N, C-alpha and C. Protein backbone atom coordinates (compact mmCIF):
# COMPACT_ATOMS: atom_id res chain seq x y z
N MET A 1 59.46 -56.54 30.03
CA MET A 1 59.44 -54.92 30.23
C MET A 1 59.82 -54.35 28.87
N LEU A 2 60.52 -54.97 28.06
CA LEU A 2 60.71 -53.92 26.59
C LEU A 2 59.18 -54.45 25.98
N ALA A 3 58.67 -55.50 25.98
CA ALA A 3 57.24 -55.90 25.53
C ALA A 3 56.32 -54.79 25.85
N CYS A 4 56.32 -54.19 27.24
CA CYS A 4 55.60 -53.51 27.60
C CYS A 4 55.66 -52.07 27.14
N LEU A 5 56.85 -51.63 27.00
CA LEU A 5 57.14 -50.22 26.75
C LEU A 5 57.23 -50.13 25.07
N CYS A 6 57.32 -51.21 24.07
CA CYS A 6 56.84 -51.42 22.61
C CYS A 6 55.27 -50.93 22.75
N THR A 7 54.67 -52.03 23.50
CA THR A 7 53.14 -51.91 23.42
C THR A 7 52.72 -50.36 24.00
N TRP A 8 53.14 -49.57 25.07
CA TRP A 8 52.81 -48.29 25.24
C TRP A 8 52.86 -47.43 24.33
N ALA A 9 54.20 -47.47 23.69
CA ALA A 9 55.03 -46.47 22.79
C ALA A 9 53.67 -46.43 21.36
N GLY A 10 53.45 -47.58 21.05
CA GLY A 10 52.94 -48.07 19.97
C GLY A 10 51.08 -47.69 20.22
N THR A 11 50.39 -47.47 21.46
CA THR A 11 49.15 -47.11 21.67
C THR A 11 49.23 -45.58 22.01
N GLN A 12 50.04 -44.54 22.06
CA GLN A 12 49.98 -43.39 22.31
C GLN A 12 49.01 -42.72 21.54
N GLN A 13 47.91 -42.06 21.88
CA GLN A 13 46.99 -41.34 21.34
C GLN A 13 47.30 -40.01 20.91
N THR A 14 47.28 -39.67 19.71
CA THR A 14 47.53 -37.75 18.93
C THR A 14 46.05 -37.18 19.63
N ASP A 15 46.39 -36.36 20.17
CA ASP A 15 45.34 -35.25 20.48
C ASP A 15 45.17 -34.06 19.62
N TRP A 16 44.58 -34.70 18.37
CA TRP A 16 44.31 -33.71 17.69
C TRP A 16 43.10 -32.72 18.13
N GLN A 17 43.64 -31.53 17.42
CA GLN A 17 42.36 -30.62 17.70
C GLN A 17 42.13 -29.95 16.55
N GLU A 18 40.35 -29.18 16.17
CA GLU A 18 40.52 -28.22 14.98
C GLU A 18 41.11 -27.29 14.77
N ALA A 19 41.46 -26.71 14.15
CA ALA A 19 42.00 -25.42 13.65
C ALA A 19 41.73 -24.94 12.27
N ARG A 20 41.51 -23.78 11.93
CA ARG A 20 41.36 -22.94 10.63
C ARG A 20 42.69 -22.37 9.95
N VAL A 21 43.03 -22.62 9.08
CA VAL A 21 43.80 -21.98 8.27
C VAL A 21 44.18 -20.38 8.23
N VAL A 22 44.85 -19.88 8.74
CA VAL A 22 44.30 -18.37 8.58
C VAL A 22 45.39 -17.50 7.51
N LYS A 23 46.61 -18.03 7.46
CA LYS A 23 47.44 -17.40 6.69
C LYS A 23 48.43 -18.62 5.99
N ILE A 24 48.81 -18.23 4.67
CA ILE A 24 49.86 -19.30 3.90
C ILE A 24 50.91 -18.23 3.44
N GLY A 25 52.07 -18.39 3.84
CA GLY A 25 53.08 -17.47 3.34
C GLY A 25 54.14 -18.43 2.58
N GLN A 26 54.80 -17.52 1.38
CA GLN A 26 56.14 -18.31 1.35
C GLN A 26 57.18 -17.10 0.94
N SER A 27 58.79 -17.92 0.93
CA SER A 27 59.77 -17.12 0.89
C SER A 27 60.81 -17.84 0.16
N VAL A 28 61.72 -17.17 -0.31
CA VAL A 28 62.65 -17.86 -0.91
C VAL A 28 64.16 -17.40 -0.21
N ASN A 29 65.00 -18.75 0.17
CA ASN A 29 66.22 -18.21 0.81
C ASN A 29 67.52 -18.58 0.15
N GLU A 30 68.33 -17.65 -0.18
CA GLU A 30 69.33 -17.91 -1.27
C GLU A 30 70.61 -17.99 -0.47
N THR A 31 71.59 -18.65 -0.42
CA THR A 31 72.90 -18.87 -0.10
C THR A 31 73.74 -19.41 -1.11
N GLU A 32 74.88 -18.67 -0.96
CA GLU A 32 75.88 -18.99 -1.93
C GLU A 32 76.87 -19.78 -1.42
N ASP A 33 77.44 -20.67 -1.99
CA ASP A 33 79.04 -21.49 -1.90
C ASP A 33 79.39 -21.53 -2.79
N ALA A 34 80.89 -21.55 -2.23
CA ALA A 34 81.99 -21.48 -3.31
C ALA A 34 82.21 -23.17 -3.51
N GLU A 35 82.22 -23.19 -5.13
CA GLU A 35 82.58 -24.69 -5.59
C GLU A 35 84.39 -24.94 -5.82
N TYR A 36 84.63 -25.98 -5.29
CA TYR A 36 86.02 -26.23 -5.59
C TYR A 36 86.21 -27.47 -6.33
N THR A 37 87.31 -27.29 -6.87
CA THR A 37 87.86 -28.55 -7.97
C THR A 37 89.87 -28.83 -7.77
N PRO A 38 89.78 -29.89 -7.71
CA PRO A 38 90.94 -30.48 -7.51
C PRO A 38 92.12 -29.35 -8.81
N SER A 39 93.29 -29.38 -8.41
CA SER A 39 94.41 -28.73 -9.63
C SER A 39 95.46 -29.34 -9.13
N PRO A 40 96.10 -29.06 -10.13
CA PRO A 40 97.70 -29.67 -10.22
C PRO A 40 98.33 -29.02 -8.68
N THR A 41 98.07 -27.82 -8.14
CA THR A 41 98.56 -27.09 -7.28
C THR A 41 98.11 -27.28 -5.58
N GLY A 42 96.85 -28.20 -5.94
CA GLY A 42 96.14 -28.27 -4.56
C GLY A 42 94.66 -28.09 -5.28
N VAL A 43 93.79 -27.36 -4.44
CA VAL A 43 92.41 -27.03 -4.79
C VAL A 43 91.96 -25.71 -5.04
N ALA A 44 91.53 -25.08 -6.30
CA ALA A 44 90.93 -24.04 -6.85
C ALA A 44 89.55 -24.06 -6.51
N THR A 45 89.21 -22.66 -6.57
CA THR A 45 87.40 -22.03 -6.28
C THR A 45 87.27 -22.30 -7.95
N SER A 46 86.27 -22.87 -8.29
CA SER A 46 85.97 -22.94 -9.83
C SER A 46 84.67 -22.03 -9.89
N GLY A 47 84.05 -21.65 -8.86
CA GLY A 47 82.97 -20.49 -9.01
C GLY A 47 82.13 -20.45 -7.81
N VAL A 48 80.82 -20.13 -7.83
CA VAL A 48 79.91 -19.92 -7.00
C VAL A 48 78.70 -20.58 -7.27
N GLU A 49 78.25 -21.22 -6.33
CA GLU A 49 76.71 -21.90 -6.49
C GLU A 49 75.41 -21.38 -5.60
N THR A 50 74.78 -21.22 -6.03
CA THR A 50 73.56 -20.40 -5.58
C THR A 50 72.31 -21.36 -5.19
N ARG A 51 72.09 -21.26 -3.99
CA ARG A 51 70.94 -22.45 -3.59
C ARG A 51 69.88 -21.95 -3.24
N ARG A 52 68.97 -22.33 -3.63
CA ARG A 52 67.58 -21.33 -3.25
C ARG A 52 66.75 -22.70 -2.44
N THR A 53 66.26 -22.20 -1.32
CA THR A 53 65.53 -23.05 -0.55
C THR A 53 64.20 -22.32 -0.35
N ARG A 54 62.97 -23.10 -0.48
CA ARG A 54 61.70 -22.34 -0.59
C ARG A 54 60.81 -22.68 1.10
N THR A 55 60.60 -21.90 1.60
CA THR A 55 60.02 -21.89 2.67
C THR A 55 58.70 -21.48 2.88
N TRP A 56 57.46 -22.89 3.59
CA TRP A 56 56.38 -22.22 3.42
C TRP A 56 55.83 -21.87 5.16
N THR A 57 55.12 -20.87 5.34
CA THR A 57 54.87 -20.64 6.70
C THR A 57 53.52 -20.62 6.61
N TYR A 58 52.84 -21.41 7.75
CA TYR A 58 51.21 -21.19 7.96
C TYR A 58 50.99 -20.79 9.32
N VAL A 59 49.86 -20.34 9.32
CA VAL A 59 49.05 -19.87 10.64
C VAL A 59 47.78 -20.39 10.80
N PHE A 60 47.74 -21.14 12.06
CA PHE A 60 46.75 -22.13 12.26
C PHE A 60 46.11 -21.19 13.52
N GLN A 61 44.50 -21.25 13.48
CA GLN A 61 43.95 -20.75 14.73
C GLN A 61 43.20 -22.21 14.99
N THR A 62 42.99 -22.00 16.41
CA THR A 62 42.35 -23.29 17.03
C THR A 62 41.29 -22.02 18.08
N GLU A 63 40.23 -22.82 18.82
CA GLU A 63 39.50 -22.32 19.48
C GLU A 63 39.85 -21.11 20.58
N HIS A 64 41.43 -21.84 21.02
CA HIS A 64 41.79 -20.91 21.88
C HIS A 64 43.70 -20.63 21.96
N GLN A 65 44.25 -20.95 20.70
CA GLN A 65 45.10 -20.56 20.44
C GLN A 65 45.57 -20.40 18.83
N VAL A 66 46.65 -19.68 18.64
CA VAL A 66 47.14 -19.12 17.31
C VAL A 66 48.61 -19.99 17.41
N TYR A 67 48.71 -20.85 16.07
CA TYR A 67 50.09 -21.62 16.13
C TYR A 67 50.67 -21.07 15.08
N THR A 68 51.92 -20.88 14.54
CA THR A 68 52.63 -20.72 13.55
C THR A 68 53.88 -21.95 13.31
N ALA A 69 53.98 -22.14 12.22
CA ALA A 69 54.51 -23.62 11.70
C ALA A 69 55.33 -23.22 10.38
N LYS A 70 56.21 -23.66 9.98
CA LYS A 70 57.00 -23.75 8.92
C LYS A 70 57.38 -24.86 8.00
N LEU A 71 57.55 -24.80 6.88
CA LEU A 71 58.15 -26.34 6.01
C LEU A 71 58.54 -25.83 4.70
N ASP A 72 60.10 -26.42 4.98
CA ASP A 72 60.80 -26.63 3.65
C ASP A 72 60.80 -26.95 2.72
N GLY A 73 60.71 -26.79 1.38
CA GLY A 73 60.49 -27.32 0.39
C GLY A 73 59.02 -27.30 -0.37
N LYS A 74 58.57 -28.53 -0.62
CA LYS A 74 57.18 -28.33 -1.34
C LYS A 74 55.78 -28.14 -0.09
N PRO A 75 55.08 -27.42 -0.51
CA PRO A 75 53.77 -26.96 0.26
C PRO A 75 53.00 -27.91 0.49
N LEU A 76 52.42 -28.07 1.59
CA LEU A 76 51.35 -28.72 1.89
C LEU A 76 49.98 -28.79 0.57
N VAL A 77 49.58 -29.91 -0.11
CA VAL A 77 48.80 -30.00 -1.19
C VAL A 77 47.58 -29.69 -0.66
N ARG A 78 46.76 -28.99 -1.54
CA ARG A 78 45.15 -28.96 -1.59
C ARG A 78 44.94 -28.16 0.17
N LEU A 79 45.69 -27.33 0.25
CA LEU A 79 45.48 -26.50 1.72
C LEU A 79 45.12 -25.12 1.31
N HIS A 80 44.38 -24.73 1.77
CA HIS A 80 44.31 -23.19 1.22
C HIS A 80 43.55 -22.15 2.42
N GLU A 81 43.79 -21.04 2.55
CA GLU A 81 43.36 -20.06 3.68
C GLU A 81 42.39 -20.26 3.96
N GLY A 82 41.39 -20.41 5.05
CA GLY A 82 40.09 -20.52 5.58
C GLY A 82 39.59 -22.01 5.67
N ASP A 83 40.49 -22.91 5.20
CA ASP A 83 40.22 -24.42 5.39
C ASP A 83 40.15 -24.82 6.63
N ARG A 84 39.15 -25.61 7.21
CA ARG A 84 39.27 -26.69 8.39
C ARG A 84 39.82 -28.05 8.28
N ILE A 85 40.85 -27.95 9.19
CA ILE A 85 41.73 -28.83 9.40
C ILE A 85 41.88 -29.71 11.10
N GLN A 86 42.34 -30.93 11.31
CA GLN A 86 43.08 -31.07 12.30
C GLN A 86 44.21 -31.04 12.51
N ILE A 87 44.63 -30.29 13.43
CA ILE A 87 46.10 -30.50 14.24
C ILE A 87 46.55 -31.10 15.11
N ALA A 88 47.97 -31.22 15.44
CA ALA A 88 48.29 -31.70 16.90
C ALA A 88 49.96 -31.06 17.40
N VAL A 89 50.02 -30.71 18.27
CA VAL A 89 50.96 -30.10 18.67
C VAL A 89 51.97 -31.07 19.65
N GLU A 90 52.87 -31.26 19.45
CA GLU A 90 53.77 -32.19 20.05
C GLU A 90 55.38 -31.91 19.96
N ARG A 91 56.07 -31.98 20.95
CA ARG A 91 57.46 -31.49 21.08
C ARG A 91 57.94 -30.50 20.09
N GLY A 92 57.57 -29.58 19.92
CA GLY A 92 57.95 -28.76 18.83
C GLY A 92 57.82 -28.99 17.65
N VAL A 93 57.11 -29.79 17.09
CA VAL A 93 56.48 -29.70 16.02
C VAL A 93 54.56 -30.06 15.76
N LEU A 94 54.29 -29.65 14.89
CA LEU A 94 53.03 -29.27 14.36
C LEU A 94 52.68 -30.59 13.42
N ARG A 95 51.59 -31.28 13.82
CA ARG A 95 51.02 -32.33 12.64
C ARG A 95 49.83 -31.90 12.09
N VAL A 96 50.05 -31.89 10.87
CA VAL A 96 48.81 -31.59 10.00
C VAL A 96 47.89 -32.92 9.70
N LEU A 97 46.76 -32.82 9.81
CA LEU A 97 45.97 -34.10 9.38
C LEU A 97 44.89 -33.55 8.43
N ASP A 98 45.23 -33.81 7.21
CA ASP A 98 44.33 -33.29 5.89
C ASP A 98 42.97 -34.07 5.86
N SER A 99 42.05 -33.33 4.95
CA SER A 99 40.91 -33.86 4.17
C SER A 99 41.13 -35.52 3.93
N ARG A 100 42.29 -35.42 3.19
CA ARG A 100 42.59 -36.85 2.76
C ARG A 100 42.71 -37.82 3.81
N GLY A 101 42.95 -37.45 5.25
CA GLY A 101 43.77 -38.16 5.81
C GLY A 101 45.31 -38.56 6.06
N LYS A 102 45.97 -37.76 5.12
CA LYS A 102 47.64 -37.28 5.02
C LYS A 102 47.79 -36.78 6.08
N LYS A 103 49.10 -37.11 6.74
CA LYS A 103 49.82 -36.75 7.97
C LYS A 103 50.95 -35.96 7.69
N ARG A 104 51.51 -34.99 8.11
CA ARG A 104 52.45 -34.14 7.29
C ARG A 104 53.09 -33.43 9.22
N THR A 105 54.37 -33.34 8.82
CA THR A 105 55.02 -32.57 10.17
C THR A 105 55.79 -31.20 10.09
N LEU A 106 55.52 -30.49 10.28
CA LEU A 106 55.99 -29.02 10.12
C LEU A 106 56.62 -28.43 11.58
N GLN A 107 57.18 -27.90 11.55
CA GLN A 107 58.35 -27.29 12.25
C GLN A 107 57.70 -26.29 13.08
N LEU A 108 57.27 -26.17 14.35
CA LEU A 108 56.39 -25.13 14.84
C LEU A 108 57.52 -24.19 15.47
N LEU A 109 56.95 -22.80 15.27
CA LEU A 109 57.40 -21.40 15.55
C LEU A 109 57.27 -20.88 16.92
N LYS A 110 55.94 -20.64 17.10
CA LYS A 110 55.16 -20.32 17.94
C LYS A 110 53.81 -20.50 18.31
């Protein structure tokens, strides 16, 4: 039974569809966290640390639908507006297959 399940899971095909990159956007989110250090009387606040997170937003258009997805951190390399790529939508994520054959997973927004 387990062997059949593993074989079935390994042979699932991804439903790739051609899409065009319509828009690429970037935003920076800043959050401030208090830093704490030990002191003889307990714990003291030593300052505030600001964290910056870059979020990349991508809009893809297929023949029948427009998808918006985001990626935190590094952007998709060598992807520009107007490029034609392959995408697959699976369980709340959008998978991108670029021209070099590299797969990346983005969070599907709509």
